[in-house]
Amino acid sequence: KGRFTIARDNAKSTVDLQMNSLKPEDTAVYYCTVQTYLSTYW
């Protein structure tokens, strides 16, 4: 909170994650996920 910002473009089915003030503990594999009314995708 206060460092990352999520935003989506509904017209294009895209989602972005702006990550600022990154810390070593942010090191990881980042996965995008989409939840529809039927399932969840990764």
Full PDB file with SEQRES, HELIX, SHEET, SSBOND, CRYST1, ORIGX, SCALE, CONECT and MASTER records, all heavy atoms in Angstrom:
SEQRES   1 A   42  LYS GLY ARG PHE THR ILE ALA ARG ASP ASN ALA LYS SER          
SEQRES   2 A   42  THR VAL ASP LEU GLN MET ASN SER LEU LYS PRO GLU ASP          
SEQRES   3 A   42  THR ALA VAL TYR TYR CYS THR VAL GLN THR TYR LEU SER          
SEQRES   4 A   42  THR TYR TRP                                                  
HELIX    1 AA1 PRO A   24  ASP A   26  5                                   3    
SHEET    1 AA1 2 PHE A   4  ASP A   9  0                                        
SHEET    2 AA1 2 THR A  14  MET A  19 -1                                        
SHEET    1 AA2 2 VAL A  34  GLN A  35  0                                        
SHEET    2 AA2 2 THR A  40  TYR A  41 -1                                        
CRYST1    1.000    1.000    1.000  90.00  90.00  90.00 P 1           1          
ORIGX1      1.000000  0.000000  0.000000        0.00000                         
ORIGX2      0.000000  1.000000  0.000000        0.00000                         
ORIGX3      0.000000  0.000000  1.000000        0.00000                         
SCALE1      1.000000  0.000000  0.000000        0.00000                         
SCALE2      0.000000  1.000000  0.000000        0.00000                         
SCALE3      0.000000  0.000000  1.000000        0.00000                         
ATOM      1  N   LYS A   1       0.835  -1.202   0.000  1.00  0.00           N  
ATOM      2  CA  LYS A   1       0.000   0.000   0.000  1.00  0.00           C  
ATOM      3  C   LYS A   1       0.868   1.249   0.000  1.00  0.00           C  
ATOM      4  O   LYS A   1       1.841   1.353   0.745  1.00  0.00           O  
ATOM      5  CB  LYS A   1      -0.921   0.011   1.217  1.00  0.00           C  
ATOM      6  CG  LYS A   1      -2.094  -0.940   1.100  1.00  0.00           C  
ATOM      7  CD  LYS A   1      -2.975  -0.881   2.334  1.00  0.00           C  
ATOM      8  CE  LYS A   1      -4.159  -1.848   2.211  1.00  0.00           C  
ATOM      9  NZ  LYS A   1      -4.991  -1.865   3.434  1.00  0.00           N  
ATOM     10  N   GLY A   2       0.500   2.194  -0.852  1.00  0.00           N  
ATOM     11  CA  GLY A   2       1.256   3.431  -0.960  1.00  0.00           C  
ATOM     12  C   GLY A   2       2.442   3.352  -1.901  1.00  0.00           C  
ATOM     13  O   GLY A   2       3.039   4.379  -2.237  1.00  0.00           O  
ATOM     14  N   ARG A   3       2.785   2.139  -2.333  1.00  0.00           N  
ATOM     15  CA  ARG A   3       3.925   1.986  -3.256  1.00  0.00           C  
ATOM     16  C   ARG A   3       3.493   1.430  -4.612  1.00  0.00           C  
ATOM     17  O   ARG A   3       4.075   1.781  -5.638  1.00  0.00           O  
ATOM     18  CB  ARG A   3       4.971   1.043  -2.642  1.00  0.00           C  
ATOM     19  CG  ARG A   3       5.532   1.513  -1.328  1.00  0.00           C  
ATOM     20  CD  ARG A   3       6.702   0.629  -0.878  1.00  0.00           C  
ATOM     21  NE  ARG A   3       6.298  -0.749  -0.629  1.00  0.00           N  
ATOM     22  CZ  ARG A   3       6.833  -1.796  -1.243  1.00  0.00           C  
ATOM     23  NH1 ARG A   3       7.788  -1.627  -2.148  1.00  0.00           N  
ATOM     24  NH2 ARG A   3       6.427  -3.028  -0.955  1.00  0.00           N  
ATOM     25  N   PHE A   4       2.499   0.562  -4.608  1.00  0.00           N  
ATOM     26  CA  PHE A   4       2.033  -0.072  -5.846  1.00  0.00           C  
ATOM     27  C   PHE A   4       0.662   0.481  -6.220  1.00  0.00           C  
ATOM     28  O   PHE A   4      -0.154   0.809  -5.349  1.00  0.00           O  
ATOM     29  CB  PHE A   4       1.898  -1.583  -5.662  1.00  0.00           C  
ATOM     30  CG  PHE A   4       3.195  -2.332  -5.503  1.00  0.00           C  
ATOM     31  CD1 PHE A   4       4.400  -1.676  -5.293  1.00  0.00           C  
ATOM     32  CD2 PHE A   4       3.203  -3.715  -5.548  1.00  0.00           C  
ATOM     33  CE1 PHE A   4       5.587  -2.369  -5.146  1.00  0.00           C  
ATOM     34  CE2 PHE A   4       4.381  -4.434  -5.401  1.00  0.00           C  
ATOM     35  CZ  PHE A   4       5.575  -3.754  -5.195  1.00  0.00           C  
ATOM     36  N   THR A   5       0.428   0.559  -7.520  1.00  0.00           N  
ATOM     37  CA  THR A   5      -0.875   1.001  -8.017  1.00  0.00           C  
ATOM     38  C   THR A   5      -1.342   0.063  -9.124  1.00  0.00           C  
ATOM     39  O   THR A   5      -0.598  -0.183 -10.083  1.00  0.00           O  
ATOM     40  CB  THR A   5      -0.806   2.436  -8.564  1.00  0.00           C  
ATOM     41  OG1 THR A   5      -0.339   3.320  -7.543  1.00  0.00           O  
ATOM     42  CG2 THR A   5      -2.180   2.902  -9.027  1.00  0.00           C  
ATOM     43  N   ILE A   6      -2.561  -0.433  -8.983  1.00  0.00           N  
ATOM     44  CA  ILE A   6      -3.131  -1.308 -10.002  1.00  0.00           C  
ATOM     45  C   ILE A   6      -4.140  -0.518 -10.827  1.00  0.00           C  
ATOM     46  O   ILE A   6      -4.864   0.336 -10.297  1.00  0.00           O  
ATOM     47  CB  ILE A   6      -3.796  -2.553  -9.370  1.00  0.00           C  
ATOM     48  CG1 ILE A   6      -4.163  -3.572 -10.449  1.00  0.00           C  
ATOM     49  CG2 ILE A   6      -4.996  -2.177  -8.517  1.00  0.00           C  
ATOM     50  CD1 ILE A   6      -4.575  -4.926  -9.878  1.00  0.00           C  
ATOM     51  N   ALA A   7      -4.147  -0.802 -12.127  1.00  0.00           N  
ATOM     52  CA  ALA A   7      -5.083  -0.114 -13.015  1.00  0.00           C  
ATOM     53  C   ALA A   7      -5.477  -1.074 -14.137  1.00  0.00           C  
ATOM     54  O   ALA A   7      -4.690  -1.924 -14.528  1.00  0.00           O  
ATOM     55  CB  ALA A   7      -4.455   1.147 -13.590  1.00  0.00           C  
ATOM     56  N   ARG A   8      -6.684  -0.912 -14.636  1.00  0.00           N  
ATOM     57  CA  ARG A   8      -7.130  -1.788 -15.714  1.00  0.00           C  
ATOM     58  C   ARG A   8      -7.784  -0.974 -16.811  1.00  0.00           C  
ATOM     59  O   ARG A   8      -8.310   0.119 -16.576  1.00  0.00           O  
ATOM     60  CB  ARG A   8      -8.094  -2.851 -15.202  1.00  0.00           C  
ATOM     61  CG  ARG A   8      -9.391  -2.321 -14.622  1.00  0.00           C  
ATOM     62  CD  ARG A   8     -10.270  -3.434 -14.088  1.00  0.00           C  
ATOM     63  NE  ARG A   8     -10.902  -4.185 -15.177  1.00  0.00           N  
ATOM     64  CZ  ARG A   8     -11.774  -5.163 -14.968  1.00  0.00           C  
ATOM     65  NH1 ARG A   8     -12.092  -5.537 -13.731  1.00  0.00           N  
ATOM     66  NH2 ARG A   8     -12.326  -5.804 -15.982  1.00  0.00           N  
ATOM     67  N   ASP A   9      -7.705  -1.523 -18.003  1.00  0.00           N  
ATOM     68  CA  ASP A   9      -8.365  -0.940 -19.160  1.00  0.00           C  
ATOM     69  C   ASP A   9      -9.463  -1.908 -19.561  1.00  0.00           C  
ATOM     70  O   ASP A   9      -9.184  -2.942 -20.164  1.00  0.00           O  
ATOM     71  CB  ASP A   9      -7.352  -0.731 -20.290  1.00  0.00           C  
ATOM     72  CG  ASP A   9      -7.969  -0.019 -21.482  1.00  0.00           C  
ATOM     73  OD1 ASP A   9      -9.201  -0.104 -21.668  1.00  0.00           O  
ATOM     74  OD2 ASP A   9      -7.215   0.620 -22.223  1.00  0.00           O  
ATOM     75  N   ASN A  10     -10.682  -1.587 -19.200  1.00  0.00           N  
ATOM     76  CA  ASN A  10     -11.786  -2.498 -19.466  1.00  0.00           C  
ATOM     77  C   ASN A  10     -11.997  -2.751 -20.947  1.00  0.00           C  
ATOM     78  O   ASN A  10     -12.433  -3.822 -21.360  1.00  0.00           O  
ATOM     79  CB  ASN A  10     -13.078  -1.970 -18.837  1.00  0.00           C  
ATOM     80  CG  ASN A  10     -13.074  -2.120 -17.328  1.00  0.00           C  
ATOM     81  OD1 ASN A  10     -12.367  -2.957 -16.782  1.00  0.00           O  
ATOM     82  ND2 ASN A  10     -13.848  -1.293 -16.666  1.00  0.00           N  
ATOM     83  N   ALA A  11     -11.670  -1.774 -21.748  1.00  0.00           N  
ATOM     84  CA  ALA A  11     -11.885  -1.927 -23.184  1.00  0.00           C  
ATOM     85  C   ALA A  11     -10.907  -2.898 -23.809  1.00  0.00           C  
ATOM     86  O   ALA A  11     -11.174  -3.461 -24.872  1.00  0.00           O  
ATOM     87  CB  ALA A  11     -11.792  -0.566 -23.873  1.00  0.00           C  
ATOM     88  N   LYS A  12      -9.772  -3.095 -23.146  1.00  0.00           N  
ATOM     89  CA  LYS A  12      -8.724  -3.928 -23.740  1.00  0.00           C  
ATOM     90  C   LYS A  12      -8.426  -5.182 -22.921  1.00  0.00           C  
ATOM     91  O   LYS A  12      -7.537  -5.939 -23.269  1.00  0.00           O  
ATOM     92  CB  LYS A  12      -7.431  -3.122 -23.882  1.00  0.00           C  
ATOM     93  CG  LYS A  12      -7.554  -1.924 -24.798  1.00  0.00           C  
ATOM     94  CD  LYS A  12      -6.229  -1.183 -24.891  1.00  0.00           C  
ATOM     95  CE  LYS A  12      -6.326   0.017 -25.801  1.00  0.00           C  
ATOM     96  NZ  LYS A  12      -5.034   0.750 -25.884  1.00  0.00           N  
ATOM     97  N   SER A  13      -9.143  -5.413 -21.836  1.00  0.00           N  
ATOM     98  CA  SER A  13      -8.889  -6.568 -20.965  1.00  0.00           C  
ATOM     99  C   SER A  13      -7.434  -6.615 -20.527  1.00  0.00           C  
ATOM    100  O   SER A  13      -6.781  -7.669 -20.594  1.00  0.00           O  
ATOM    101  CB  SER A  13      -9.262  -7.872 -21.684  1.00  0.00           C  
ATOM    102  OG  SER A  13     -10.624  -7.900 -22.006  1.00  0.00           O  
ATOM    103  N   THR A  14      -6.905  -5.476 -20.121  1.00  0.00           N  
ATOM    104  CA  THR A  14      -5.533  -5.415 -19.626  1.00  0.00           C  
ATOM    105  C   THR A  14      -5.512  -4.885 -18.200  1.00  0.00           C  
ATOM    106  O   THR A  14      -6.399  -4.127 -17.792  1.00  0.00           O  
ATOM    107  CB  THR A  14      -4.651  -4.510 -20.494  1.00  0.00           C  
ATOM    108  OG1 THR A  14      -5.178  -3.183 -20.486  1.00  0.00           O  
ATOM    109  CG2 THR A  14      -4.591  -5.014 -21.933  1.00  0.00           C  
ATOM    110  N   VAL A  15      -4.484  -5.292 -17.484  1.00  0.00           N  
ATOM    111  CA  VAL A  15      -4.290  -4.793 -16.131  1.00  0.00           C  
ATOM    112  C   VAL A  15      -2.807  -4.530 -15.922  1.00  0.00           C  
ATOM    113  O   VAL A  15      -1.963  -5.325 -16.342  1.00  0.00           O  
ATOM    114  CB  VAL A  15      -4.829  -5.795 -15.079  1.00  0.00           C  
ATOM    115  CG1 VAL A  15      -4.128  -7.133 -15.157  1.00  0.00           C  
ATOM    116  CG2 VAL A  15      -4.748  -5.203 -13.686  1.00  0.00           C  
ATOM    117  N   ASP A  16      -2.498  -3.392 -15.350  1.00  0.00           N  
ATOM    118  CA  ASP A  16      -1.125  -2.987 -15.099  1.00  0.00           C  
ATOM    119  C   ASP A  16      -0.877  -2.863 -13.601  1.00  0.00           C  
ATOM    120  O   ASP A  16      -1.803  -2.570 -12.827  1.00  0.00           O  
ATOM    121  CB  ASP A  16      -0.828  -1.640 -15.758  1.00  0.00           C  
ATOM    122  CG  ASP A  16      -0.853  -1.722 -17.272  1.00  0.00           C  
ATOM    123  OD1 ASP A  16      -0.773  -2.842 -17.816  1.00  0.00           O  
ATOM    124  OD2 ASP A  16      -0.955  -0.659 -17.908  1.00  0.00           O  
ATOM    125  N   LEU A  17       0.363  -3.064 -13.224  1.00  0.00           N  
ATOM    126  CA  LEU A  17       0.776  -2.870 -11.838  1.00  0.00           C  
ATOM    127  C   LEU A  17       2.016  -1.976 -11.841  1.00  0.00           C  
ATOM    128  O   LEU A  17       3.078  -2.402 -12.285  1.00  0.00           O  
ATOM    129  CB  LEU A  17       1.091  -4.207 -11.157  1.00  0.00           C  
ATOM    130  CG  LEU A  17       1.430  -4.120  -9.678  1.00  0.00           C  
ATOM    131  CD1 LEU A  17       0.187  -3.720  -8.872  1.00  0.00           C  
ATOM    132  CD2 LEU A  17       1.991  -5.443  -9.174  1.00  0.00           C  
ATOM    133  N   GLN A  18       1.842  -0.755 -11.379  1.00  0.00           N  
ATOM    134  CA  GLN A  18       2.964   0.174 -11.244  1.00  0.00           C  
ATOM    135  C   GLN A  18       3.564  -0.020  -9.865  1.00  0.00           C  
ATOM    136  O   GLN A  18       2.878   0.136  -8.853  1.00  0.00           O  
ATOM    137  CB  GLN A  18       2.491   1.617 -11.419  1.00  0.00           C  
ATOM    138  CG  GLN A  18       3.585   2.644 -11.247  1.00  0.00           C  
ATOM    139  CD  GLN A  18       4.654   2.561 -12.313  1.00  0.00           C  
ATOM    140  OE1 GLN A  18       4.349   2.365 -13.489  1.00  0.00           O  
ATOM    141  NE2 GLN A  18       5.913   2.669 -11.910  1.00  0.00           N  
ATOM    142  N   MET A  19       4.849  -0.363  -9.838  1.00  0.00           N  
ATOM    143  CA  MET A  19       5.521  -0.660  -8.578  1.00  0.00           C  
ATOM    144  C   MET A  19       6.623   0.364  -8.357  1.00  0.00           C  
ATOM    145  O   MET A  19       7.576   0.432  -9.141  1.00  0.00           O  
ATOM    146  CB  MET A  19       6.107  -2.075  -8.610  1.00  0.00           C  
ATOM    147  CG  MET A  19       5.080  -3.150  -8.942  1.00  0.00           C  
ATOM    148  SD  MET A  19       5.744  -4.821  -8.833  1.00  0.00           S  
ATOM    149  CE  MET A  19       6.905  -4.791 -10.196  1.00  0.00           C  
ATOM    150  N   ASN A  20       6.481   1.163  -7.320  1.00  0.00           N  
ATOM    151  CA  ASN A  20       7.467   2.182  -6.972  1.00  0.00           C  
ATOM    152  C   ASN A  20       8.107   1.865  -5.632  1.00  0.00           C  
ATOM    153  O   ASN A  20       7.592   1.050  -4.859  1.00  0.00           O  
ATOM    154  CB  ASN A  20       6.791   3.556  -6.913  1.00  0.00           C  
ATOM    155  CG  ASN A  20       6.188   3.976  -8.232  1.00  0.00           C  
ATOM    156  OD1 ASN A  20       6.705   3.651  -9.299  1.00  0.00           O  
ATOM    157  ND2 ASN A  20       5.087   4.714  -8.176  1.00  0.00           N  
ATOM    158  N   SER A  21       9.209   2.508  -5.371  1.00  0.00           N  
ATOM    159  CA  SER A  21       9.924   2.319  -4.092  1.00  0.00           C  
ATOM    160  C   SER A  21      10.102   0.840  -3.780  1.00  0.00           C  
ATOM    161  O   SER A  21       9.830   0.378  -2.666  1.00  0.00           O  
ATOM    162  CB  SER A  21       9.147   3.007  -2.960  1.00  0.00           C  
ATOM    163  OG  SER A  21       8.991   4.387  -3.226  1.00  0.00           O  
ATOM    164  N   LEU A  22      10.585   0.120  -4.758  1.00  0.00           N  
ATOM    165  CA  LEU A  22      10.722  -1.330  -4.602  1.00  0.00           C  
ATOM    166  C   LEU A  22      11.756  -1.679  -3.542  1.00  0.00           C  
ATOM    167  O   LEU A  22      12.762  -0.976  -3.364  1.00  0.00           O  
ATOM    168  CB  LEU A  22      11.091  -1.967  -5.932  1.00  0.00           C  
ATOM    169  CG  LEU A  22       9.915  -2.105  -6.908  1.00  0.00           C  
ATOM    170  CD1 LEU A  22      10.395  -2.292  -8.331  1.00  0.00           C  
ATOM    171  CD2 LEU A  22       9.026  -3.266  -6.491  1.00  0.00           C  
ATOM    172  N   LYS A  23      11.470  -2.780  -2.848  1.00  0.00           N  
ATOM    173  CA  LYS A  23      12.329  -3.266  -1.780  1.00  0.00           C  
ATOM    174  C   LYS A  23      12.796  -4.684  -2.120  1.00  0.00           C  
ATOM    175  O   LYS A  23      12.124  -5.401  -2.867  1.00  0.00           O  
ATOM    176  CB  LYS A  23      11.545  -3.305  -0.462  1.00  0.00           C  
ATOM    177  CG  LYS A  23      10.918  -1.991  -0.054  1.00  0.00           C  
ATOM    178  CD  LYS A  23      10.065  -2.169   1.202  1.00  0.00           C  
ATOM    179  CE  LYS A  23       9.407  -0.866   1.616  1.00  0.00           C  
ATOM    180  NZ  LYS A  23       8.577  -1.026   2.828  1.00  0.00           N  
ATOM    181  N   PRO A  24      13.921  -5.112  -1.559  1.00  0.00           N  
ATOM    182  CA  PRO A  24      14.378  -6.481  -1.810  1.00  0.00           C  
ATOM    183  C   PRO A  24      13.316  -7.523  -1.484  1.00  0.00           C  
ATOM    184  O   PRO A  24      13.236  -8.564  -2.161  1.00  0.00           O  
ATOM    185  CB  PRO A  24      15.596  -6.606  -0.898  1.00  0.00           C  
ATOM    186  CG  PRO A  24      16.140  -5.214  -0.823  1.00  0.00           C  
ATOM    187  CD  PRO A  24      14.913  -4.337  -0.790  1.00  0.00           C  
ATOM    188  N   GLU A  25      12.495  -7.269  -0.487  1.00  0.00           N  
ATOM    189  CA  GLU A  25      11.454  -8.230  -0.122  1.00  0.00           C  
ATOM    190  C   GLU A  25      10.316  -8.299  -1.135  1.00  0.00           C  
ATOM    191  O   GLU A  25       9.433  -9.141  -1.012  1.00  0.00           O  
ATOM    192  CB  GLU A  25      10.894  -7.932   1.276  1.00  0.00           C  
ATOM    193  CG  GLU A  25      10.474  -6.496   1.494  1.00  0.00           C  
ATOM    194  CD  GLU A  25      11.564  -5.671   2.188  1.00  0.00           C  
ATOM    195  OE1 GLU A  25      12.754  -5.791   1.793  1.00  0.00           O  
ATOM    196  OE2 GLU A  25      11.211  -4.890   3.100  1.00  0.00           O  
ATOM    197  N   ASP A  26      10.332  -7.443  -2.125  1.00  0.00           N  
ATOM    198  CA  ASP A  26       9.363  -7.522  -3.220  1.00  0.00           C  
ATOM    199  C   ASP A  26       9.793  -8.541  -4.278  1.00  0.00           C  
ATOM    200  O   ASP A  26       9.036  -8.828  -5.209  1.00  0.00           O  
ATOM    201  CB  ASP A  26       9.178  -6.161  -3.887  1.00  0.00           C  
ATOM    202  CG  ASP A  26       8.533  -5.140  -2.967  1.00  0.00           C  
ATOM    203  OD1 ASP A  26       7.589  -5.494  -2.238  1.00  0.00           O  
ATOM    204  OD2 ASP A  26       8.985  -3.976  -2.993  1.00  0.00           O  
ATOM    205  N   THR A  27      11.002  -9.054  -4.138  1.00  0.00           N  
ATOM    206  CA  THR A  27      11.502 -10.044  -5.092  1.00  0.00           C  
ATOM    207  C   THR A  27      10.616 -11.280  -5.092  1.00  0.00           C  
ATOM    208  O   THR A  27      10.364 -11.886  -4.043  1.00  0.00           O  
ATOM    209  CB  THR A  27      12.944 -10.432  -4.748  1.00  0.00           C  
ATOM    210  OG1 THR A  27      13.787  -9.289  -4.917  1.00  0.00           O  
ATOM    211  CG2 THR A  27      13.427 -11.562  -5.648  1.00  0.00           C  
ATOM    212  N   ALA A  28      10.124 -11.636  -6.270  1.00  0.00           N  
ATOM    213  CA  ALA A  28       9.210 -12.777  -6.394  1.00  0.00           C  
ATOM    214  C   ALA A  28       8.854 -12.971  -7.863  1.00  0.00           C  
ATOM    215  O   ALA A  28       9.175 -12.124  -8.708  1.00  0.00           O  
ATOM    216  CB  ALA A  28       7.935 -12.531  -5.591  1.00  0.00           C  
ATOM    217  N   VAL A  29       8.165 -14.067  -8.123  1.00  0.00           N  
ATOM    218  CA  VAL A  29       7.521 -14.233  -9.420  1.00  0.00           C  
ATOM    219  C   VAL A  29       6.109 -13.659  -9.287  1.00  0.00           C  
ATOM    220  O   VAL A  29       5.374 -14.025  -8.370  1.00  0.00           O  
ATOM    221  CB  VAL A  29       7.448 -15.710  -9.843  1.00  0.00           C  
ATOM    222  CG1 VAL A  29       6.707 -15.839 -11.169  1.00  0.00           C  
ATOM    223  CG2 VAL A  29       8.853 -16.297  -9.960  1.00  0.00           C  
ATOM    224  N   TYR A  30       5.776 -12.759 -10.181  1.00  0.00           N  
ATOM    225  CA  TYR A  30       4.478 -12.088 -10.145  1.00  0.00           C  
ATOM    226  C   TYR A  30       3.557 -12.718 -11.180  1.00  0.00           C  
ATOM    227  O   TYR A  30       3.931 -12.866 -12.351  1.00  0.00           O  
ATOM    228  CB  TYR A  30       4.653 -10.595 -10.407  1.00  0.00           C  
ATOM    229  CG  TYR A  30       5.201  -9.855  -9.212  1.00  0.00           C  
ATOM    230  CD1 TYR A  30       6.515 -10.053  -8.781  1.00  0.00           C  
ATOM    231  CD2 TYR A  30       4.408  -8.972  -8.488  1.00  0.00           C  
ATOM    232  CE1 TYR A  30       7.019  -9.394  -7.676  1.00  0.00           C  
ATOM    233  CE2 TYR A  30       4.898  -8.296  -7.376  1.00  0.00           C  
ATOM    234  CZ  TYR A  30       6.202  -8.518  -6.975  1.00  0.00           C  
ATOM    235  OH  TYR A  30       6.694  -7.861  -5.869  1.00  0.00           O  
ATOM    236  N   TYR A  31       2.343 -13.057 -10.738  1.00  0.00           N  
ATOM    237  CA  TYR A  31       1.364 -13.728 -11.590  1.00  0.00           C  
ATOM    238  C   TYR A  31       0.145 -12.841 -11.807  1.00  0.00           C  
ATOM    239  O   TYR A  31      -0.441 -12.327 -10.844  1.00  0.00           O  
ATOM    240  CB  TYR A  31       0.908 -15.034 -10.966  1.00  0.00           C  
ATOM    241  CG  TYR A  31       1.987 -16.067 -10.802  1.00  0.00           C  
ATOM    242  CD1 TYR A  31       2.746 -16.128  -9.641  1.00  0.00           C  
ATOM    243  CD2 TYR A  31       2.260 -16.986 -11.812  1.00  0.00           C  
ATOM    244  CE1 TYR A  31       3.747 -17.072  -9.483  1.00  0.00           C  
ATOM    245  CE2 TYR A  31       3.253 -17.938 -11.662  1.00  0.00           C  
ATOM    246  CZ  TYR A  31       3.992 -17.973 -10.502  1.00  0.00           C  
ATOM    247  OH  TYR A  31       4.983 -18.911 -10.356  1.00  0.00           O  
ATOM    248  N   CYS A  32      -0.229 -12.718 -13.039  1.00  0.00           N  
ATOM    249  CA  CYS A  32      -1.473 -12.046 -13.379  1.00  0.00           C  
ATOM    250  C   CYS A  32      -2.625 -13.031 -13.218  1.00  0.00           C  
ATOM    251  O   CYS A  32      -2.472 -14.225 -13.530  1.00  0.00           O  
ATOM    252  CB  CYS A  32      -1.403 -11.547 -14.824  1.00  0.00           C  
ATOM    253  SG  CYS A  32      -2.932 -10.824 -15.460  1.00  0.00           S  
ATOM    254  N   THR A  33      -3.759 -12.551 -12.761  1.00  0.00           N  
ATOM    255  CA  THR A  33      -4.924 -13.417 -12.619  1.00  0.00           C  
ATOM    256  C   THR A  33      -6.176 -12.697 -13.097  1.00  0.00           C  
ATOM    257  O   THR A  33      -6.302 -11.484 -12.922  1.00  0.00           O  
ATOM    258  CB  THR A  33      -5.093 -13.886 -11.166  1.00  0.00           C  
ATOM    259  OG1 THR A  33      -6.214 -14.770 -11.081  1.00  0.00           O  
ATOM    260  CG2 THR A  33      -5.324 -12.725 -10.226  1.00  0.00           C  
ATOM    261  N   VAL A  34      -7.048 -13.447 -13.705  1.00  0.00           N  
ATOM    262  CA  VAL A  34      -8.328 -12.922 -14.173  1.00  0.00           C  
ATOM    263  C   VAL A  34      -9.433 -13.833 -13.661  1.00  0.00           C  
ATOM    264  O   VAL A  34      -9.367 -15.055 -13.835  1.00  0.00           O  
ATOM    265  CB  VAL A  34      -8.382 -12.869 -15.708  1.00  0.00           C  
ATOM    266  CG1 VAL A  34      -9.796 -12.521 -16.174  1.00  0.00           C  
ATOM    267  CG2 VAL A  34      -7.385 -11.868 -16.249  1.00  0.00           C  
ATOM    268  N   GLN A  35     -10.395 -13.228 -13.003  1.00  0.00           N  
ATOM    269  CA  GLN A  35     -11.550 -13.982 -12.513  1.00  0.00           C  
ATOM    270  C   GLN A  35     -12.754 -13.634 -13.361  1.00  0.00           C  
ATOM    271  O   GLN A  35     -13.134 -12.469 -13.450  1.00  0.00           O  
ATOM    272  CB  GLN A  35     -11.826 -13.666 -11.049  1.00  0.00           C  
ATOM    273  CG  GLN A  35     -12.946 -14.506 -10.456  1.00  0.00           C  
ATOM    274  CD  GLN A  35     -13.210 -14.194  -9.003  1.00  0.00           C  
ATOM    275  OE1 GLN A  35     -12.782 -13.161  -8.487  1.00  0.00           O  
ATOM    276  NE2 GLN A  35     -13.911 -15.078  -8.323  1.00  0.00           N  
ATOM    277  N   THR A  36     -13.338 -14.658 -13.980  1.00  0.00           N  
ATOM    278  CA  THR A  36     -14.576 -14.458 -14.719  1.00  0.00           C  
ATOM    279  C   THR A  36     -15.732 -15.026 -13.905  1.00  0.00           C  
ATOM    280  O   THR A  36     -15.540 -15.492 -12.784  1.00  0.00           O  
ATOM    281  CB  THR A  36     -14.515 -15.157 -16.082  1.00  0.00           C  
ATOM    282  OG1 THR A  36     -14.551 -16.584 -15.881  1.00  0.00           O  
ATOM    283  CG2 THR A  36     -13.249 -14.792 -16.841  1.00  0.00           C  
ATOM    284  N   TYR A  37     -16.896 -14.991 -14.477  1.00  0.00           N  
ATOM    285  CA  TYR A  37     -18.065 -15.514 -13.770  1.00  0.00           C  
ATOM    286  C   TYR A  37     -18.080 -17.045 -13.749  1.00  0.00           C  
ATOM    287  O   TYR A  37     -18.889 -17.646 -13.058  1.00  0.00           O  
ATOM    288  CB  TYR A  37     -19.335 -14.967 -14.415  1.00  0.00           C  
ATOM    289  CG  TYR A  37     -19.490 -13.492 -14.186  1.00  0.00           C  
ATOM    290  CD1 TYR A  37     -19.063 -12.564 -15.135  1.00  0.00           C  
ATOM    291  CD2 TYR A  37     -20.020 -13.002 -12.994  1.00  0.00           C  
ATOM    292  CE1 TYR A  37     -19.178 -11.205 -14.920  1.00  0.00           C  
ATOM    293  CE2 TYR A  37     -20.144 -11.637 -12.770  1.00  0.00           C  
ATOM    294  CZ  TYR A  37     -19.714 -10.746 -13.733  1.00  0.00           C  
ATOM    295  OH  TYR A  37     -19.825  -9.398 -13.512  1.00  0.00           O  
ATOM    296  N   LEU A  38     -17.150 -17.651 -14.477  1.00  0.00           N  
ATOM    297  CA  LEU A  38     -17.107 -19.116 -14.551  1.00  0.00           C  
ATOM    298  C   LEU A  38     -15.839 -19.713 -13.972  1.00  0.00           C  
ATOM    299  O   LEU A  38     -15.847 -20.849 -13.490  1.00  0.00           O  
ATOM    300  CB  LEU A  38     -17.273 -19.575 -16.000  1.00  0.00           C  
ATOM    301  CG  LEU A  38     -18.610 -19.289 -16.660  1.00  0.00           C  
ATOM    302  CD1 LEU A  38     -18.586 -19.753 -18.104  1.00  0.00           C  
ATOM    303  CD2 LEU A  38     -19.743 -19.967 -15.903  1.00  0.00           C  
ATOM    304  N   SER A  39     -14.724 -18.988 -14.049  1.00  0.00           N  
ATOM    305  CA  SER A  39     -13.466 -19.582 -13.641  1.00  0.00           C  
ATOM    306  C   SER A  39     -12.440 -18.513 -13.311  1.00  0.00           C  
ATOM    307  O   SER A  39     -12.690 -17.321 -13.462  1.00  0.00           O  
ATOM    308  CB  SER A  39     -12.941 -20.492 -14.764  1.00  0.00           C  
ATOM    309  OG  SER A  39     -11.831 -21.237 -14.316  1.00  0.00           O  
ATOM    310  N   THR A  40     -11.274 -18.981 -12.852  1.00  0.00           N  
ATOM    311  CA  THR A  40     -10.139 -18.105 -12.572  1.00  0.00           C  
ATOM    312  C   THR A  40      -8.957 -18.579 -13.402  1.00  0.00           C  
ATOM    313  O   THR A  40      -8.679 -19.775 -13.474  1.00  0.00           O  
ATOM    314  CB  THR A  40      -9.772 -18.129 -11.083  1.00  0.00           C  
ATOM    315  OG1 THR A  40     -10.889 -17.666 -10.326  1.00  0.00           O  
ATOM    316  CG2 THR A  40      -8.579 -17.219 -10.815  1.00  0.00           C  
ATOM    317  N   TYR A  41      -8.270 -17.621 -14.018  1.00  0.00           N  
ATOM    318  CA  TYR A  41      -7.155 -17.934 -14.895  1.00  0.00           C  
ATOM    319  C   TYR A  41      -5.878 -17.267 -14.396  1.00  0.00           C  
ATOM    320  O   TYR A  41      -5.922 -16.192 -13.787  1.00  0.00           O  
ATOM    321  CB  TYR A  41      -7.462 -17.461 -16.323  1.00  0.00           C  
ATOM    322  CG  TYR A  41      -8.712 -18.078 -16.886  1.00  0.00           C  
ATOM    323  CD1 TYR A  41      -9.935 -17.414 -16.780  1.00  0.00           C  
ATOM    324  CD2 TYR A  41      -8.686 -19.322 -17.504  1.00  0.00           C  
ATOM    325  CE1 TYR A  41     -11.094 -17.980 -17.279  1.00  0.00           C  
ATOM    326  CE2 TYR A  41      -9.843 -19.894 -18.012  1.00  0.00           C  
ATOM    327  CZ  TYR A  41     -11.032 -19.223 -17.892  1.00  0.00           C  
ATOM    328  OH  TYR A  41     -12.187 -19.790 -18.383  1.00  0.00           O  
ATOM    329  N   TRP A  42      -4.753 -17.917 -14.684  1.00  0.00           N  
ATOM    330  CA  TRP A  42      -3.450 -17.436 -14.222  1.00  0.00           C  
ATOM    331  C   TRP A  42      -2.477 -17.324 -15.386  1.00  0.00           C  
ATOM    332  O   TRP A  42      -2.492 -18.160 -16.303  1.00  0.00           O  
ATOM    333  CB  TRP A  42      -2.863 -18.398 -13.190  1.00  0.00           C  
ATOM    334  CG  TRP A  42      -3.664 -18.483 -11.934  1.00  0.00           C  
ATOM    335  CD1 TRP A  42      -4.712 -19.308 -11.683  1.00  0.00           C  
ATOM    336  CD2 TRP A  42      -3.474 -17.688 -10.756  1.00  0.00           C  
ATOM    337  NE1 TRP A  42      -5.191 -19.085 -10.413  1.00  0.00           N  
ATOM    338  CE2 TRP A  42      -4.457 -18.101  -9.823  1.00  0.00           C  
ATOM    339  CE3 TRP A  42      -2.586 -16.679 -10.394  1.00  0.00           C  
ATOM    340  CZ2 TRP A  42      -4.562 -17.529  -8.554  1.00  0.00           C  
ATOM    341  CZ3 TRP A  42      -2.689 -16.115  -9.136  1.00  0.00           C  
ATOM    342  CH2 TRP A  42      -3.670 -16.535  -8.234  1.00  0.00           C  
TER     343      TRP A  42                                                      
MASTER        0    0    0    1    4    0    0    6  342    1    0    4          
END                                                                             
